Amino acid sequence: MRLATHKSAGLSADLIDSVELENLASIYLWRYPELNISILRPCNIVGPSVRNTMGKLLYSPLAPVMAGFSPIAEL
């Protein structure tokens, strides 16, 4: 189900699709209780021994700034 006001609310299509998929998983869980359903939500991990893009951004002398609104990439 697409929301007509998603652009005015600042919601991305990816976020809307993610919420829709989680809702479908919940429906199947209630409809078929014998199923085992897992929803994976990947996240960025930072720390002194972790070497990844997010760590490099946070370690740099310049502060990263998001261009626009993106609830998927929260710092």
Foldseek 3Di string as FASTA:
>chain_A
DDDPCCVVVQHDPVVVVVVVVVVVQVVCCVVPVVDDDDDDDDDDDDDDPDDDDVNVQVPDPDHDDDDGDDPSDDD
